[in-house]
Amino acid sequence: MPFGNVVGADGKLVRDAKEQALVERIKELRARRLTIKNIAATLNRDGAPARGGRWHATTVARLLRRAA
């Protein structure tokens, strides 16, 4: 399931406001020219929730590709 979405009661994907806000934050960090690795480190340092427990550069890169 793509980050930023959850499964609704009807079984369809619906946007999750908290995750969508985090996607926007990641896009803003990238726009400020932070590297993918630095974005992951920033998210982990700030305690941003990640589905797998912590953020990895690969996860951030995939998220940015999907959001583009």
Protein backbone atom coordinates (compact mmCIF):
# COMPACT_ATOMS: atom_id res chain seq x y z
CA MET A 1 0.00 0.00 0.00
CA PRO A 2 1.50 3.36 -0.98
CA PHE A 3 2.63 5.58 1.89
CA GLY A 4 0.11 8.36 2.38
CA ASN A 5 -2.85 6.04 1.95
CA VAL A 6 -4.72 3.56 4.11
CA VAL A 7 -7.39 1.00 3.38
CA GLY A 8 -10.84 2.37 4.09
CA ALA A 9 -13.82 0.50 5.51
CA ASP A 10 -14.92 -0.35 1.96
CA GLY A 11 -11.53 -1.89 1.14
CA LYS A 12 -10.46 0.96 -1.14
CA LEU A 13 -7.44 3.19 -0.68
CA VAL A 14 -8.10 6.54 0.94
CA ARG A 15 -5.68 9.33 1.74
CA ASP A 16 -4.32 9.51 5.28
CA ALA A 17 -3.91 13.15 6.36
CA LYS A 18 -0.95 12.51 8.70
CA GLU A 19 0.99 10.50 6.15
CA GLN A 20 0.15 12.99 3.39
CA ALA A 21 1.56 15.79 5.56
CA LEU A 22 4.74 13.78 5.99
CA VAL A 23 4.98 13.23 2.22
CA GLU A 24 4.77 17.00 1.75
CA ARG A 25 7.48 17.53 4.36
CA ILE A 26 9.75 15.07 2.56
CA LYS A 27 9.15 16.86 -0.74
CA GLU A 28 9.98 20.19 0.93
CA LEU A 29 13.22 18.79 2.37
CA ARG A 30 14.18 17.54 -1.08
CA ALA A 31 13.35 20.93 -2.60
CA ARG A 32 15.84 22.40 -0.12
CA ARG A 33 18.39 20.11 -1.78
CA LEU A 34 18.87 17.71 1.11
CA THR A 35 20.19 14.35 -0.01
CA ILE A 36 17.97 11.30 0.26
CA LYS A 37 20.22 9.97 3.03
CA ASN A 38 20.00 13.27 4.95
CA ILE A 39 16.20 13.31 4.61
CA ALA A 40 16.00 9.82 6.13
CA ALA A 41 18.35 10.86 8.95
CA THR A 42 16.30 14.01 9.62
CA LEU A 43 13.05 12.05 9.77
CA ASN A 44 14.58 9.53 12.17
CA ARG A 45 16.10 12.26 14.34
CA ASP A 46 12.74 14.04 14.53
CA GLY A 47 10.86 10.84 15.35
CA ALA A 48 8.69 10.93 12.22
CA PRO A 49 6.56 7.79 12.14
CA ALA A 50 7.63 5.17 9.62
CA ARG A 51 5.73 2.01 8.83
CA GLY A 52 8.85 -0.11 9.29
CA GLY A 53 9.95 1.61 12.48
CA ARG A 54 12.61 3.87 10.98
CA TRP A 55 13.31 5.70 7.75
CA HIS A 56 15.85 4.43 5.22
CA ALA A 57 17.25 6.22 2.17
CA THR A 58 15.70 3.60 -0.12
CA THR A 59 12.26 4.22 1.38
CA VAL A 60 12.57 7.98 0.94
CA ALA A 61 13.74 7.56 -2.67
CA ARG A 62 10.79 5.29 -3.52
CA LEU A 63 8.35 7.64 -1.87
CA LEU A 64 9.70 10.60 -3.86
CA ARG A 65 9.51 8.63 -7.13
CA ARG A 66 5.88 7.75 -6.47
CA ALA A 67 5.01 11.33 -5.45
CA ALA A 68 6.49 12.80 -8.62
